[in-house]
Amino acid sequence: MKIIVGSDHGGFNLKRAIVDDLKEKGLDVTDFGPETADSVDYPDYAKPLAEKVAAGEYDKGILVCGTGIGMSISANKVKGIRSALVHDTFSARATRQHNDSNVLAMGERVVGEGLALDIVDIWLNTEFEGGRHERRVCKIEE
C-alpha cells in the first residue's frame, strides 16, 4: 500500500508524527509537505494530494490541518475522492467499512498525537465491506 501524507502549517507537527510512525512500521509513505511550519494555504496541498490518490499513484492519502475541515472540503472537490474528517476511532473504522474513504483528514488542534496514530492505524487496516454500501458509494461517484 502506497500512502501520501500532507498538511498545512496548522497540521505540520501531527503530519510529521504520522509519517514517522508509518515509516517505523515499514509502510511505503511519502511526505507531500510542507517541509516547514511556515504559513501555507491548505488547498495548495489538499487538491494535488487528492489528485494523486484519484489518479491511482497512491492507494490512500492523509491530510492534516488545524481542524481537518479545510483539507477535507478541498480534497472532496476532486472526482473520485471520498475524504472523511475523522477525530475518533469509531468513525475511522466506519468510514472505511461503509464509505470506502480513500483520504483521511484530521485536525492537529482537535486530536492528540496518540489518538491520531490510532485513528490512522484503524483507518489503514479496515477493509470496505461492500454489499449494500457499494450501491451508496456508487451514488457518491455519480
N, C-alpha and C. Protein backbone atom coordinates (compact mmCIF):
# COMPACT_ATOMS: atom_id res chain seq x y z
N MET A 1 0.84 -1.18 0.00
CA MET A 1 0.00 0.00 0.00
C MET A 1 0.89 1.25 0.00
N LYS A 2 0.62 2.15 -0.94
CA LYS A 2 1.35 3.41 -1.01
C LYS A 2 0.49 4.51 -0.39
N ILE A 3 1.07 5.25 0.54
CA ILE A 3 0.35 6.27 1.29
C ILE A 3 1.05 7.61 1.10
N ILE A 4 0.27 8.66 0.91
CA ILE A 4 0.81 10.01 0.80
C ILE A 4 0.19 10.86 1.91
N VAL A 5 1.02 11.66 2.57
CA VAL A 5 0.58 12.45 3.73
C VAL A 5 0.98 13.90 3.52
N GLY A 6 0.02 14.80 3.72
CA GLY A 6 0.29 16.22 3.58
C GLY A 6 -0.42 17.03 4.65
N SER A 7 0.00 18.28 4.78
CA SER A 7 -0.60 19.15 5.79
C SER A 7 -0.48 20.60 5.36
N ASP A 8 -0.95 21.47 6.22
CA ASP A 8 -0.60 22.88 6.15
C ASP A 8 0.18 23.17 7.43
N HIS A 9 0.42 24.43 7.72
CA HIS A 9 1.19 24.78 8.92
C HIS A 9 0.48 24.36 10.21
N GLY A 10 -0.86 24.39 10.20
CA GLY A 10 -1.62 24.02 11.39
C GLY A 10 -1.59 22.54 11.72
N GLY A 11 -1.21 21.73 10.75
CA GLY A 11 -1.14 20.28 10.95
C GLY A 11 0.27 19.73 10.80
N PHE A 12 1.24 20.61 10.69
CA PHE A 12 2.61 20.21 10.39
C PHE A 12 3.20 19.21 11.38
N ASN A 13 3.05 19.48 12.67
CA ASN A 13 3.66 18.59 13.68
C ASN A 13 3.01 17.21 13.70
N LEU A 14 1.69 17.16 13.57
CA LEU A 14 1.00 15.88 13.54
C LEU A 14 1.33 15.11 12.26
N LYS A 15 1.45 15.83 11.16
CA LYS A 15 1.84 15.18 9.90
C LYS A 15 3.19 14.49 10.06
N ARG A 16 4.15 15.19 10.65
CA ARG A 16 5.48 14.60 10.85
C ARG A 16 5.40 13.36 11.72
N ALA A 17 4.60 13.40 12.78
CA ALA A 17 4.45 12.24 13.67
C ALA A 17 3.83 11.07 12.92
N ILE A 18 2.85 11.33 12.07
CA ILE A 18 2.20 10.27 11.29
C ILE A 18 3.18 9.66 10.30
N VAL A 19 3.91 10.49 9.59
CA VAL A 19 4.90 10.00 8.62
C VAL A 19 5.94 9.14 9.32
N ASP A 20 6.46 9.63 10.44
CA ASP A 20 7.48 8.87 11.19
C ASP A 20 6.93 7.53 11.65
N ASP A 21 5.71 7.53 12.16
CA ASP A 21 5.09 6.29 12.65
C ASP A 21 4.90 5.28 11.51
N LEU A 22 4.42 5.74 10.38
CA LEU A 22 4.20 4.84 9.25
C LEU A 22 5.51 4.28 8.71
N LYS A 23 6.54 5.12 8.68
CA LYS A 23 7.86 4.66 8.23
C LYS A 23 8.42 3.62 9.20
N GLU A 24 8.25 3.85 10.51
CA GLU A 24 8.71 2.89 11.52
C GLU A 24 8.02 1.54 11.35
N LYS A 25 6.79 1.56 10.86
CA LYS A 25 6.03 0.32 10.63
C LYS A 25 6.38 -0.32 9.29
N GLY A 26 7.29 0.31 8.56
CA GLY A 26 7.75 -0.24 7.29
C GLY A 26 6.83 0.00 6.11
N LEU A 27 5.91 0.94 6.24
CA LEU A 27 4.98 1.22 5.15
C LEU A 27 5.60 2.17 4.12
N ASP A 28 5.12 2.10 2.90
CA ASP A 28 5.57 2.94 1.80
C ASP A 28 4.83 4.27 1.90
N VAL A 29 5.49 5.28 2.48
CA VAL A 29 4.84 6.56 2.74
C VAL A 29 5.65 7.70 2.14
N THR A 30 4.93 8.66 1.57
CA THR A 30 5.53 9.86 1.01
C THR A 30 5.05 11.07 1.80
N ASP A 31 5.99 11.89 2.25
CA ASP A 31 5.67 13.16 2.90
C ASP A 31 5.51 14.20 1.80
N PHE A 32 4.28 14.62 1.56
CA PHE A 32 3.96 15.55 0.48
C PHE A 32 4.22 17.01 0.87
N GLY A 33 4.59 17.24 2.11
CA GLY A 33 4.90 18.59 2.54
C GLY A 33 3.77 19.19 3.35
N PRO A 34 4.03 20.38 3.79
CA PRO A 34 5.20 21.22 3.60
C PRO A 34 6.40 20.75 4.41
N GLU A 35 7.54 21.36 4.14
CA GLU A 35 8.78 20.95 4.81
C GLU A 35 9.05 21.76 6.07
N THR A 36 8.30 22.85 6.26
CA THR A 36 8.46 23.67 7.47
C THR A 36 7.06 24.02 7.99
N ALA A 37 7.04 24.63 9.17
CA ALA A 37 5.78 25.04 9.78
C ALA A 37 5.39 26.46 9.38
N ASP A 38 6.04 27.01 8.37
CA ASP A 38 5.67 28.34 7.88
C ASP A 38 4.27 28.31 7.29
N SER A 39 3.57 29.42 7.36
CA SER A 39 2.19 29.51 6.90
C SER A 39 2.07 29.18 5.41
N VAL A 40 1.13 28.29 5.10
CA VAL A 40 0.80 27.91 3.71
C VAL A 40 -0.71 27.79 3.61
N ASP A 41 -1.21 27.71 2.39
CA ASP A 41 -2.64 27.59 2.15
C ASP A 41 -3.01 26.11 1.96
N TYR A 42 -3.92 25.61 2.79
CA TYR A 42 -4.26 24.18 2.76
C TYR A 42 -4.73 23.66 1.40
N PRO A 43 -5.46 24.44 0.58
CA PRO A 43 -5.86 23.89 -0.72
C PRO A 43 -4.66 23.55 -1.62
N ASP A 44 -3.54 24.25 -1.42
CA ASP A 44 -2.34 24.01 -2.23
C ASP A 44 -1.74 22.64 -1.95
N TYR A 45 -2.11 22.01 -0.86
CA TYR A 45 -1.65 20.66 -0.54
C TYR A 45 -2.76 19.64 -0.70
N ALA A 46 -3.96 20.00 -0.30
CA ALA A 46 -5.08 19.05 -0.34
C ALA A 46 -5.44 18.64 -1.77
N LYS A 47 -5.57 19.60 -2.66
CA LYS A 47 -6.02 19.28 -4.02
C LYS A 47 -5.00 18.43 -4.77
N PRO A 48 -3.71 18.81 -4.83
CA PRO A 48 -2.78 17.95 -5.57
C PRO A 48 -2.59 16.58 -4.93
N LEU A 49 -2.65 16.49 -3.61
CA LEU A 49 -2.56 15.18 -2.95
C LEU A 49 -3.76 14.33 -3.36
N ALA A 50 -4.94 14.91 -3.32
CA ALA A 50 -6.14 14.17 -3.70
C ALA A 50 -6.09 13.74 -5.17
N GLU A 51 -5.57 14.58 -6.02
CA GLU A 51 -5.44 14.23 -7.44
C GLU A 51 -4.52 13.02 -7.62
N LYS A 52 -3.47 12.94 -6.84
CA LYS A 52 -2.55 11.80 -6.92
C LYS A 52 -3.24 10.51 -6.47
N VAL A 53 -4.07 10.60 -5.44
CA VAL A 53 -4.82 9.42 -4.99
C VAL A 53 -5.85 9.03 -6.05
N ALA A 54 -6.58 10.01 -6.56
CA ALA A 54 -7.61 9.74 -7.56
C ALA A 54 -7.00 9.13 -8.83
N ALA A 55 -5.78 9.52 -9.16
CA ALA A 55 -5.12 9.01 -10.37
C ALA A 55 -4.52 7.61 -10.15
N GLY A 56 -4.54 7.13 -8.91
CA GLY A 56 -4.01 5.81 -8.62
C GLY A 56 -2.51 5.78 -8.34
N GLU A 57 -1.89 6.95 -8.23
CA GLU A 57 -0.46 7.00 -7.89
C GLU A 57 -0.23 6.53 -6.45
N TYR A 58 -1.23 6.74 -5.60
CA TYR A 58 -1.19 6.33 -4.20
C TYR A 58 -2.51 5.63 -3.88
N ASP A 59 -2.45 4.68 -2.97
CA ASP A 59 -3.65 3.96 -2.56
C ASP A 59 -4.51 4.77 -1.60
N LYS A 60 -3.85 5.50 -0.71
CA LYS A 60 -4.56 6.27 0.30
C LYS A 60 -3.80 7.56 0.58
N GLY A 61 -4.55 8.57 1.01
CA GLY A 61 -3.96 9.85 1.38
C GLY A 61 -4.42 10.26 2.76
N ILE A 62 -3.53 10.99 3.44
CA ILE A 62 -3.85 11.53 4.77
C ILE A 62 -3.52 13.01 4.76
N LEU A 63 -4.47 13.82 5.22
CA LEU A 63 -4.31 15.27 5.26
C LEU A 63 -4.54 15.78 6.68
N VAL A 64 -3.71 16.74 7.09
CA VAL A 64 -3.84 17.31 8.43
C VAL A 64 -3.73 18.83 8.34
N CYS A 65 -4.70 19.50 8.94
CA CYS A 65 -4.61 20.95 9.13
C CYS A 65 -5.01 21.23 10.58
N GLY A 66 -5.33 22.45 10.90
CA GLY A 66 -5.69 22.76 12.28
C GLY A 66 -6.92 22.01 12.76
N THR A 67 -7.96 21.98 11.92
CA THR A 67 -9.20 21.28 12.27
C THR A 67 -9.47 20.06 11.40
N GLY A 68 -8.86 20.00 10.23
CA GLY A 68 -9.14 18.95 9.25
C GLY A 68 -10.26 19.33 8.31
N ILE A 69 -11.00 20.37 8.63
CA ILE A 69 -12.17 20.75 7.86
C ILE A 69 -11.78 21.26 6.47
N GLY A 70 -10.90 22.23 6.41
CA GLY A 70 -10.50 22.80 5.12
C GLY A 70 -9.87 21.76 4.21
N MET A 71 -9.03 20.91 4.78
CA MET A 71 -8.39 19.86 3.99
C MET A 71 -9.45 18.91 3.40
N SER A 72 -10.39 18.50 4.22
CA SER A 72 -11.42 17.57 3.77
C SER A 72 -12.28 18.19 2.67
N ILE A 73 -12.70 19.42 2.87
CA ILE A 73 -13.52 20.10 1.86
C ILE A 73 -12.74 20.20 0.55
N SER A 74 -11.49 20.61 0.62
CA SER A 74 -10.67 20.77 -0.58
C SER A 74 -10.46 19.45 -1.29
N ALA A 75 -10.14 18.41 -0.56
CA ALA A 75 -9.90 17.09 -1.17
C ALA A 75 -11.15 16.57 -1.84
N ASN A 76 -12.30 16.79 -1.24
CA ASN A 76 -13.55 16.27 -1.80
C ASN A 76 -13.98 16.98 -3.08
N LYS A 77 -13.30 18.03 -3.47
CA LYS A 77 -13.56 18.69 -4.75
C LYS A 77 -13.03 17.86 -5.93
N VAL A 78 -12.16 16.90 -5.63
CA VAL A 78 -11.53 16.08 -6.67
C VAL A 78 -12.38 14.85 -6.94
N LYS A 79 -12.75 14.65 -8.21
CA LYS A 79 -13.56 13.50 -8.60
C LYS A 79 -12.84 12.20 -8.21
N GLY A 80 -13.58 11.31 -7.59
CA GLY A 80 -13.02 10.02 -7.18
C GLY A 80 -12.50 10.00 -5.76
N ILE A 81 -12.53 11.14 -5.10
CA ILE A 81 -12.05 11.21 -3.72
C ILE A 81 -13.23 11.16 -2.76
N ARG A 82 -13.07 10.35 -1.73
CA ARG A 82 -14.01 10.28 -0.63
C ARG A 82 -13.21 10.54 0.64
N SER A 83 -13.06 11.83 0.94
CA SER A 83 -12.29 12.25 2.10
C SER A 83 -13.20 12.31 3.32
N ALA A 84 -12.73 11.72 4.40
CA ALA A 84 -13.50 11.70 5.64
C ALA A 84 -12.76 12.45 6.73
N LEU A 85 -13.44 13.38 7.36
CA LEU A 85 -12.92 14.10 8.51
C LEU A 85 -13.18 13.24 9.74
N VAL A 86 -12.12 12.79 10.39
CA VAL A 86 -12.24 11.82 11.48
C VAL A 86 -11.45 12.28 12.70
N HIS A 87 -12.09 12.20 13.86
CA HIS A 87 -11.41 12.52 15.12
C HIS A 87 -11.67 11.48 16.21
N ASP A 88 -12.15 10.29 15.81
CA ASP A 88 -12.35 9.20 16.77
C ASP A 88 -12.19 7.87 16.05
N THR A 89 -11.94 6.83 16.80
CA THR A 89 -11.65 5.52 16.21
C THR A 89 -12.89 4.87 15.60
N PHE A 90 -14.06 5.09 16.18
CA PHE A 90 -15.29 4.53 15.61
C PHE A 90 -15.50 5.04 14.19
N SER A 91 -15.38 6.35 14.01
CA SER A 91 -15.57 6.94 12.68
C SER A 91 -14.50 6.49 11.70
N ALA A 92 -13.27 6.29 12.19
CA ALA A 92 -12.19 5.81 11.32
C ALA A 92 -12.55 4.46 10.73
N ARG A 93 -13.07 3.59 11.57
CA ARG A 93 -13.47 2.25 11.11
C ARG A 93 -14.69 2.33 10.20
N ALA A 94 -15.68 3.10 10.61
CA ALA A 94 -16.94 3.18 9.85
C ALA A 94 -16.74 3.79 8.47
N THR A 95 -15.91 4.79 8.36
CA THR A 95 -15.74 5.43 7.06
C THR A 95 -15.02 4.52 6.05
N ARG A 96 -14.24 3.59 6.53
CA ARG A 96 -13.64 2.60 5.63
C ARG A 96 -14.65 1.50 5.32
N GLN A 97 -15.33 1.00 6.35
CA GLN A 97 -16.29 -0.09 6.14
C GLN A 97 -17.46 0.33 5.26
N HIS A 98 -17.99 1.51 5.47
CA HIS A 98 -19.24 1.92 4.82
C HIS A 98 -19.05 2.87 3.65
N ASN A 99 -18.01 3.71 3.69
CA ASN A 99 -17.85 4.75 2.67
C ASN A 99 -16.66 4.54 1.75
N ASP A 100 -15.84 3.53 2.04
CA ASP A 100 -14.64 3.26 1.25
C ASP A 100 -13.81 4.53 1.08
N SER A 101 -13.66 5.29 2.16
CA SER A 101 -12.90 6.54 2.08
C SER A 101 -11.47 6.24 1.64
N ASN A 102 -10.94 7.13 0.81
CA ASN A 102 -9.57 6.96 0.33
C ASN A 102 -8.65 8.09 0.78
N VAL A 103 -9.21 9.09 1.45
CA VAL A 103 -8.42 10.15 2.07
C VAL A 103 -8.96 10.37 3.48
N LEU A 104 -8.05 10.43 4.42
CA LEU A 104 -8.37 10.69 5.83
C LEU A 104 -7.94 12.12 6.15
N ALA A 105 -8.81 12.89 6.77
CA ALA A 105 -8.47 14.25 7.20
C ALA A 105 -8.63 14.33 8.71
N MET A 106 -7.67 15.00 9.34
CA MET A 106 -7.71 15.19 10.80
C MET A 106 -7.22 16.59 11.15
N GLY A 107 -7.55 17.02 12.36
CA GLY A 107 -7.12 18.33 12.85
C GLY A 107 -6.15 18.21 14.01
N GLU A 108 -4.98 18.79 13.85
CA GLU A 108 -3.97 18.76 14.92
C GLU A 108 -4.44 19.48 16.17
N ARG A 109 -5.28 20.50 16.00
CA ARG A 109 -5.78 21.26 17.15
C ARG A 109 -6.98 20.58 17.81
N VAL A 110 -7.41 19.47 17.23
CA VAL A 110 -8.60 18.77 17.72
C VAL A 110 -8.26 17.44 18.37
N VAL A 111 -7.32 16.72 17.81
CA VAL A 111 -7.00 15.36 18.27
C VAL A 111 -5.52 15.29 18.66
N GLY A 112 -5.24 14.62 19.75
CA GLY A 112 -3.86 14.45 20.19
C GLY A 112 -3.12 13.43 19.35
N GLU A 113 -1.81 13.44 19.48
CA GLU A 113 -0.98 12.57 18.66
C GLU A 113 -1.27 11.08 18.86
N GLY A 114 -1.40 10.63 20.10
CA GLY A 114 -1.64 9.21 20.36
C GLY A 114 -2.93 8.73 19.73
N LEU A 115 -3.99 9.49 19.90
CA LEU A 115 -5.27 9.12 19.28
C LEU A 115 -5.17 9.19 17.76
N ALA A 116 -4.51 10.20 17.24
CA ALA A 116 -4.37 10.33 15.79
C ALA A 116 -3.66 9.12 15.19
N LEU A 117 -2.63 8.63 15.85
CA LEU A 117 -1.91 7.46 15.34
C LEU A 117 -2.79 6.22 15.39
N ASP A 118 -3.62 6.11 16.43
CA ASP A 118 -4.59 5.00 16.50
C ASP A 118 -5.60 5.10 15.36
N ILE A 119 -6.09 6.31 15.09
CA ILE A 119 -7.05 6.54 14.02
C ILE A 119 -6.44 6.12 12.68
N VAL A 120 -5.22 6.54 12.43
CA VAL A 120 -4.55 6.19 11.17
C VAL A 120 -4.41 4.68 11.04
N ASP A 121 -3.99 4.03 12.12
CA ASP A 121 -3.81 2.57 12.09
C ASP A 121 -5.13 1.85 11.79
N ILE A 122 -6.19 2.24 12.46
CA ILE A 122 -7.50 1.63 12.22
C ILE A 122 -7.96 1.91 10.80
N TRP A 123 -7.83 3.14 10.35
CA TRP A 123 -8.28 3.53 9.02
C TRP A 123 -7.54 2.75 7.93
N LEU A 124 -6.24 2.61 8.08
CA LEU A 124 -5.45 1.90 7.07
C LEU A 124 -5.71 0.40 7.07
N ASN A 125 -6.12 -0.15 8.20
CA ASN A 125 -6.26 -1.60 8.32
C ASN A 125 -7.70 -2.10 8.29
N THR A 126 -8.64 -1.22 7.98
CA THR A 126 -10.05 -1.60 7.90
C THR A 126 -10.44 -1.70 6.43
N GLU A 127 -11.08 -2.80 6.08
CA GLU A 127 -11.50 -3.04 4.70
C GLU A 127 -12.92 -2.51 4.46
N PHE A 128 -13.18 -2.14 3.23
CA PHE A 128 -14.52 -1.76 2.79
C PHE A 128 -15.40 -3.01 2.78
N GLU A 129 -16.60 -2.92 3.36
CA GLU A 129 -17.48 -4.07 3.45
C GLU A 129 -18.20 -4.39 2.15
N GLY A 130 -18.33 -3.41 1.26
CA GLY A 130 -19.06 -3.66 0.01
C GLY A 130 -20.53 -3.89 0.30
N GLY A 131 -21.13 -4.84 -0.42
CA GLY A 131 -22.55 -5.16 -0.21
C GLY A 131 -23.42 -3.95 -0.39
N ARG A 132 -24.33 -3.73 0.55
CA ARG A 132 -25.27 -2.61 0.43
C ARG A 132 -24.56 -1.26 0.37
N HIS A 133 -23.34 -1.21 0.93
CA HIS A 133 -22.57 0.04 0.91
C HIS A 133 -22.03 0.37 -0.48
N GLU A 134 -21.79 -0.66 -1.26
CA GLU A 134 -21.28 -0.47 -2.63
C GLU A 134 -22.23 0.41 -3.45
N ARG A 135 -23.51 0.14 -3.35
CA ARG A 135 -24.52 0.90 -4.08
C ARG A 135 -24.45 2.38 -3.68
N ARG A 136 -24.27 2.63 -2.42
CA ARG A 136 -24.24 4.00 -1.92
C ARG A 136 -22.98 4.72 -2.36
N VAL A 137 -21.86 4.04 -2.33
CA VAL A 137 -20.61 4.64 -2.78
C VAL A 137 -20.70 4.96 -4.27
N CYS A 138 -21.31 4.09 -5.03
CA CYS A 138 -21.50 4.35 -6.48
C CYS A 138 -22.33 5.62 -6.69
N LYS A 139 -23.33 5.83 -5.85
CA LYS A 139 -24.14 7.04 -5.96
C LYS A 139 -23.31 8.29 -5.66
N ILE A 140 -22.39 8.19 -4.74
CA ILE A 140 -21.49 9.31 -4.46
C ILE A 140 -20.67 9.63 -5.70
N GLU A 141 -20.18 8.60 -6.36
CA GLU A 141 -19.32 8.78 -7.53
C GLU A 141 -20.06 9.39 -8.71
N GLU A 142 -21.39 9.19 -8.77
CA GLU A 142 -22.18 9.76 -9.86
C GLU A 142 -22.22 11.25 -9.72
